[in-house]
Amino acid sequence: DAALLAEGFQVFCQRHGFTPQTFC
């Protein structure tokens, strides 16, 4: 599910102090 993938990536970023913009 695309929404679950997006939510999982958000958790991933929060866990390591990243933002989606980190990965340009």
PDB file of all heavy atoms in Angstrom:
ATOM      1  N   ASP A   1       0.837  -1.192   0.000  1.00  0.00           N
ATOM      2  CA  ASP A   1       0.000   0.000   0.000  1.00  0.00           C
ATOM      3  C   ASP A   1       0.879   1.253   0.000  1.00  0.00           C
ATOM      4  O   ASP A   1       1.761   1.415   0.859  1.00  0.00           O
ATOM      5  CB  ASP A   1      -0.910  -0.011   1.226  1.00  0.00           C
ATOM      6  CG  ASP A   1      -1.805   1.213   1.274  1.00  0.00           C
ATOM      7  OD1 ASP A   1      -2.684   1.331   0.406  1.00  0.00           O
ATOM      8  OD2 ASP A   1      -1.596   2.052   2.181  1.00  0.00           O
ATOM      9  N   ALA A   2       0.637   2.158  -0.957  1.00  0.00           N
ATOM     10  CA  ALA A   2       1.473   3.348  -1.097  1.00  0.00           C
ATOM     11  C   ALA A   2       1.405   4.239   0.148  1.00  0.00           C
ATOM     12  O   ALA A   2       2.410   4.822   0.564  1.00  0.00           O
ATOM     13  CB  ALA A   2       1.055   4.130  -2.342  1.00  0.00           C
ATOM     14  N   ALA A   3       0.221   4.344   0.746  1.00  0.00           N
ATOM     15  CA  ALA A   3       0.066   5.178   1.944  1.00  0.00           C
ATOM     16  C   ALA A   3       0.884   4.605   3.104  1.00  0.00           C
ATOM     17  O   ALA A   3       1.510   5.349   3.877  1.00  0.00           O
ATOM     18  CB  ALA A   3      -1.408   5.276   2.332  1.00  0.00           C
ATOM     19  N   LEU A   4       0.903   3.275   3.233  1.00  0.00           N
ATOM     20  CA  LEU A   4       1.685   2.637   4.290  1.00  0.00           C
ATOM     21  C   LEU A   4       3.178   2.850   4.054  1.00  0.00           C
ATOM     22  O   LEU A   4       3.942   3.090   4.995  1.00  0.00           O
ATOM     23  CB  LEU A   4       1.356   1.143   4.349  1.00  0.00           C
ATOM     24  CG  LEU A   4       2.066   0.331   5.442  1.00  0.00           C
ATOM     25  CD1 LEU A   4       1.699   0.840   6.829  1.00  0.00           C
ATOM     26  CD2 LEU A   4       1.709  -1.157   5.311  1.00  0.00           C
ATOM     27  N   LEU A   5       3.610   2.794   2.786  1.00  0.00           N
ATOM     28  CA  LEU A   5       5.009   3.045   2.463  1.00  0.00           C
ATOM     29  C   LEU A   5       5.404   4.471   2.846  1.00  0.00           C
ATOM     30  O   LEU A   5       6.494   4.707   3.382  1.00  0.00           O
ATOM     31  CB  LEU A   5       5.253   2.810   0.969  1.00  0.00           C
ATOM     32  CG  LEU A   5       5.242   1.355   0.501  1.00  0.00           C
ATOM     33  CD1 LEU A   5       5.148   1.274  -1.009  1.00  0.00           C
ATOM     34  CD2 LEU A   5       6.490   0.618   0.983  1.00  0.00           C
ATOM     35  N   ALA A   6       4.529   5.414   2.546  1.00  0.00           N
ATOM     36  CA  ALA A   6       4.803   6.814   2.884  1.00  0.00           C
ATOM     37  C   ALA A   6       4.883   7.003   4.396  1.00  0.00           C
ATOM     38  O   ALA A   6       5.772   7.708   4.911  1.00  0.00           O
ATOM     39  CB  ALA A   6       3.729   7.712   2.285  1.00  0.00           C
ATOM     40  N   GLU A   7       3.965   6.367   5.122  1.00  0.00           N
ATOM     41  CA  GLU A   7       3.953   6.485   6.581  1.00  0.00           C
ATOM     42  C   GLU A   7       5.200   5.841   7.175  1.00  0.00           C
ATOM     43  O   GLU A   7       5.803   6.373   8.123  1.00  0.00           O
ATOM     44  CB  GLU A   7       2.692   5.832   7.142  1.00  0.00           C
ATOM     45  CG  GLU A   7       2.455   6.141   8.613  1.00  0.00           C
ATOM     46  CD  GLU A   7       1.147   5.567   9.129  1.00  0.00           C
ATOM     47  OE1 GLU A   7       0.336   5.070   8.303  1.00  0.00           O
ATOM     48  OE2 GLU A   7       0.932   5.605  10.360  1.00  0.00           O
ATOM     49  N   GLY A   8       5.608   4.708   6.617  1.00  0.00           N
ATOM     50  CA  GLY A   8       6.819   4.046   7.089  1.00  0.00           C
ATOM     51  C   GLY A   8       8.052   4.898   6.859  1.00  0.00           C
ATOM     52  O   GLY A   8       8.951   4.944   7.699  1.00  0.00           O
ATOM     53  N   PHE A   9       8.102   5.608   5.715  1.00  0.00           N
ATOM     54  CA  PHE A   9       9.254   6.473   5.452  1.00  0.00           C
ATOM     55  C   PHE A   9       9.274   7.661   6.400  1.00  0.00           C
ATOM     56  O   PHE A   9      10.345   8.117   6.824  1.00  0.00           O
ATOM     57  CB  PHE A   9       9.228   6.958   4.000  1.00  0.00           C
ATOM     58  CG  PHE A   9      10.487   7.668   3.598  1.00  0.00           C
ATOM     59  CD1 PHE A   9      11.670   6.971   3.444  1.00  0.00           C
ATOM     60  CD2 PHE A   9      10.490   9.043   3.398  1.00  0.00           C
ATOM     61  CE1 PHE A   9      12.850   7.620   3.081  1.00  0.00           C
ATOM     62  CE2 PHE A   9      11.652   9.701   3.038  1.00  0.00           C
ATOM     63  CZ  PHE A   9      12.837   8.985   2.882  1.00  0.00           C
ATOM     64  N   GLN A  10       8.086   8.145   6.763  1.00  0.00           N
ATOM     65  CA  GLN A  10       8.014   9.246   7.730  1.00  0.00           C
ATOM     66  C   GLN A  10       8.577   8.799   9.087  1.00  0.00           C
ATOM     67  O   GLN A  10       9.334   9.530   9.739  1.00  0.00           O
ATOM     68  CB  GLN A  10       6.566   9.717   7.874  1.00  0.00           C
ATOM     69  CG  GLN A  10       6.403  10.937   8.775  1.00  0.00           C
ATOM     70  CD  GLN A  10       4.960  11.414   8.834  1.00  0.00           C
ATOM     71  OE1 GLN A  10       4.062  10.780   8.283  1.00  0.00           O
ATOM     72  NE2 GLN A  10       4.738  12.529   9.500  1.00  0.00           N
ATOM     73  N   VAL A  11       8.227   7.602   9.517  1.00  0.00           N
ATOM     74  CA  VAL A  11       8.761   7.057  10.769  1.00  0.00           C
ATOM     75  C   VAL A  11      10.274   6.909  10.663  1.00  0.00           C
ATOM     76  O   VAL A  11      11.015   7.233  11.606  1.00  0.00           O
ATOM     77  CB  VAL A  11       8.102   5.691  11.088  1.00  0.00           C
ATOM     78  CG1 VAL A  11       8.801   5.025  12.271  1.00  0.00           C
ATOM     79  CG2 VAL A  11       6.612   5.870  11.358  1.00  0.00           C
ATOM     80  N   PHE A  12      10.741   6.437   9.523  1.00  0.00           N
ATOM     81  CA  PHE A  12      12.167   6.278   9.272  1.00  0.00           C
ATOM     82  C   PHE A  12      12.898   7.619   9.431  1.00  0.00           C
ATOM     83  O   PHE A  12      13.945   7.699  10.082  1.00  0.00           O
ATOM     84  CB  PHE A  12      12.358   5.720   7.861  1.00  0.00           C
ATOM     85  CG  PHE A  12      13.746   5.810   7.320  1.00  0.00           C
ATOM     86  CD1 PHE A  12      14.721   4.901   7.680  1.00  0.00           C
ATOM     87  CD2 PHE A  12      14.079   6.832   6.429  1.00  0.00           C
ATOM     88  CE1 PHE A  12      16.008   4.991   7.166  1.00  0.00           C
ATOM     89  CE2 PHE A  12      15.363   6.927   5.915  1.00  0.00           C
ATOM     90  CZ  PHE A  12      16.323   6.008   6.278  1.00  0.00           C
ATOM     91  N   CYS A  13      12.335   8.667   8.837  1.00  0.00           N
ATOM     92  CA  CYS A  13      12.957   9.996   8.913  1.00  0.00           C
ATOM     93  C   CYS A  13      12.965  10.517  10.357  1.00  0.00           C
ATOM     94  O   CYS A  13      13.972  11.061  10.837  1.00  0.00           O
ATOM     95  CB  CYS A  13      12.236  10.975   7.996  1.00  0.00           C
ATOM     96  SG  CYS A  13      12.527  10.675   6.229  1.00  0.00           S
ATOM     97  N   GLN A  14      11.842  10.343  11.035  1.00  0.00           N
ATOM     98  CA  GLN A  14      11.753  10.813  12.426  1.00  0.00           C
ATOM     99  C   GLN A  14      12.751  10.069  13.312  1.00  0.00           C
ATOM    100  O   GLN A  14      13.372  10.654  14.196  1.00  0.00           O
ATOM    101  CB  GLN A  14      10.328  10.616  12.948  1.00  0.00           C
ATOM    102  CG  GLN A  14       9.307  11.535  12.294  1.00  0.00           C
ATOM    103  CD  GLN A  14       7.873  11.178  12.661  1.00  0.00           C
ATOM    104  OE1 GLN A  14       7.613  10.136  13.261  1.00  0.00           O
ATOM    105  NE2 GLN A  14       6.936  12.045  12.283  1.00  0.00           N
ATOM    106  N   ARG A  15      12.933   8.789  13.060  1.00  0.00           N
ATOM    107  CA  ARG A  15      13.829   7.966  13.861  1.00  0.00           C
ATOM    108  C   ARG A  15      15.272   8.458  13.779  1.00  0.00           C
ATOM    109  O   ARG A  15      16.033   8.388  14.749  1.00  0.00           O
ATOM    110  CB  ARG A  15      13.727   6.514  13.384  1.00  0.00           C
ATOM    111  CG  ARG A  15      14.545   5.529  14.176  1.00  0.00           C
ATOM    112  CD  ARG A  15      14.452   4.140  13.545  1.00  0.00           C
ATOM    113  NE  ARG A  15      13.132   3.543  13.678  1.00  0.00           N
ATOM    114  CZ  ARG A  15      12.794   2.369  13.140  1.00  0.00           C
ATOM    115  NH1 ARG A  15      13.693   1.692  12.426  1.00  0.00           N
ATOM    116  NH2 ARG A  15      11.573   1.886  13.293  1.00  0.00           N
ATOM    117  N   HIS A  16      15.655   8.994  12.605  1.00  0.00           N
ATOM    118  CA  HIS A  16      17.055   9.369  12.390  1.00  0.00           C
ATOM    119  C   HIS A  16      17.261  10.876  12.245  1.00  0.00           C
ATOM    120  O   HIS A  16      18.378  11.308  11.936  1.00  0.00           O
ATOM    121  CB  HIS A  16      17.597   8.652  11.146  1.00  0.00           C
ATOM    122  CG  HIS A  16      17.591   7.157  11.275  1.00  0.00           C
ATOM    123  ND1 HIS A  16      18.484   6.475  12.055  1.00  0.00           N
ATOM    124  CD2 HIS A  16      16.751   6.220  10.743  1.00  0.00           C
ATOM    125  CE1 HIS A  16      18.232   5.179  11.990  1.00  0.00           C
ATOM    126  NE2 HIS A  16      17.175   4.996  11.200  1.00  0.00           N
ATOM    127  N   GLY A  17      16.208  11.650  12.452  1.00  0.00           N
ATOM    128  CA  GLY A  17      16.349  13.095  12.374  1.00  0.00           C
ATOM    129  C   GLY A  17      16.481  13.626  10.963  1.00  0.00           C
ATOM    130  O   GLY A  17      17.079  14.690  10.736  1.00  0.00           O
ATOM    131  N   PHE A  18      15.925  12.895   9.992  1.00  0.00           N
ATOM    132  CA  PHE A  18      15.951  13.348   8.605  1.00  0.00           C
ATOM    133  C   PHE A  18      14.636  14.037   8.252  1.00  0.00           C
ATOM    134  O   PHE A  18      13.640  13.907   8.966  1.00  0.00           O
ATOM    135  CB  PHE A  18      16.134  12.165   7.639  1.00  0.00           C
ATOM    136  CG  PHE A  18      17.413  11.399   7.821  1.00  0.00           C
ATOM    137  CD1 PHE A  18      17.411  10.013   7.813  1.00  0.00           C
ATOM    138  CD2 PHE A  18      18.619  12.064   7.989  1.00  0.00           C
ATOM    139  CE1 PHE A  18      18.581   9.296   7.975  1.00  0.00           C
ATOM    140  CE2 PHE A  18      19.805  11.353   8.152  1.00  0.00           C
ATOM    141  CZ  PHE A  18      19.785   9.971   8.147  1.00  0.00           C
ATOM    142  N   THR A  19      14.647  14.715   7.122  1.00  0.00           N
ATOM    143  CA  THR A  19      13.414  15.180   6.484  1.00  0.00           C
ATOM    144  C   THR A  19      13.406  14.594   5.086  1.00  0.00           C
ATOM    145  O   THR A  19      14.481  14.244   4.554  1.00  0.00           O
ATOM    146  CB  THR A  19      13.362  16.715   6.397  1.00  0.00           C
ATOM    147  OG1 THR A  19      14.379  17.166   5.479  1.00  0.00           O
ATOM    148  CG2 THR A  19      13.562  17.359   7.768  1.00  0.00           C
ATOM    149  N   PRO A  20      12.242  14.477   4.446  1.00  0.00           N
ATOM    150  CA  PRO A  20      12.229  13.966   3.064  1.00  0.00           C
ATOM    151  C   PRO A  20      13.142  14.755   2.137  1.00  0.00           C
ATOM    152  O   PRO A  20      13.672  14.212   1.166  1.00  0.00           O
ATOM    153  CB  PRO A  20      10.756  14.097   2.658  1.00  0.00           C
ATOM    154  CG  PRO A  20      10.009  13.998   3.950  1.00  0.00           C
ATOM    155  CD  PRO A  20      10.886  14.683   4.964  1.00  0.00           C
ATOM    156  N   GLN A  21      13.359  16.044   2.445  1.00  0.00           N
ATOM    157  CA  GLN A  21      14.205  16.888   1.603  1.00  0.00           C
ATOM    158  C   GLN A  21      15.686  16.496   1.707  1.00  0.00           C
ATOM    159  O   GLN A  21      16.497  16.862   0.849  1.00  0.00           O
ATOM    160  CB  GLN A  21      14.032  18.362   1.989  1.00  0.00           C
ATOM    161  CG  GLN A  21      12.689  18.974   1.618  1.00  0.00           C
ATOM    162  CD  GLN A  21      11.541  18.435   2.458  1.00  0.00           C
ATOM    163  OE1 GLN A  21      11.716  18.190   3.654  1.00  0.00           O
ATOM    164  NE2 GLN A  21      10.384  18.242   1.835  1.00  0.00           N
ATOM    165  N   THR A  22      16.017  15.746   2.784  1.00  0.00           N
ATOM    166  CA  THR A  22      17.405  15.271   2.925  1.00  0.00           C
ATOM    167  C   THR A  22      17.803  14.435   1.720  1.00  0.00           C
ATOM    168  O   THR A  22      18.957  14.456   1.284  1.00  0.00           O
ATOM    169  CB  THR A  22      17.547  14.417   4.210  1.00  0.00           C
ATOM    170  OG1 THR A  22      17.120  15.182   5.327  1.00  0.00           O
ATOM    171  CG2 THR A  22      18.986  13.955   4.400  1.00  0.00           C
ATOM    172  N   PHE A  23      16.819  13.711   1.162  1.00  0.00           N
ATOM    173  CA  PHE A  23      17.105  12.754   0.093  1.00  0.00           C
ATOM    174  C   PHE A  23      16.654  13.340  -1.241  1.00  0.00           C
ATOM    175  O   PHE A  23      15.597  13.001  -1.780  1.00  0.00           O
ATOM    176  CB  PHE A  23      16.412  11.425   0.393  1.00  0.00           C
ATOM    177  CG  PHE A  23      16.768  10.881   1.747  1.00  0.00           C
ATOM    178  CD1 PHE A  23      15.862  10.937   2.802  1.00  0.00           C
ATOM    179  CD2 PHE A  23      18.029  10.366   1.988  1.00  0.00           C
ATOM    180  CE1 PHE A  23      16.185  10.451   4.051  1.00  0.00           C
ATOM    181  CE2 PHE A  23      18.368   9.875   3.247  1.00  0.00           C
ATOM    182  CZ  PHE A  23      17.464   9.930   4.282  1.00  0.00           C
ATOM    183  N   CYS A  24      17.489  14.248  -1.744  1.00  0.00           N
ATOM    184  CA  CYS A  24      17.151  14.945  -2.985  1.00  0.00           C
ATOM    185  C   CYS A  24      17.595  14.178  -4.222  1.00  0.00           C
ATOM    186  O   CYS A  24      17.291  14.573  -5.350  1.00  0.00           O
ATOM    187  CB  CYS A  24      17.762  16.343  -2.979  1.00  0.00           C
ATOM    188  SG  CYS A  24      19.569  16.329  -2.751  1.00  0.00           S
TER     189      CYS A  24
END
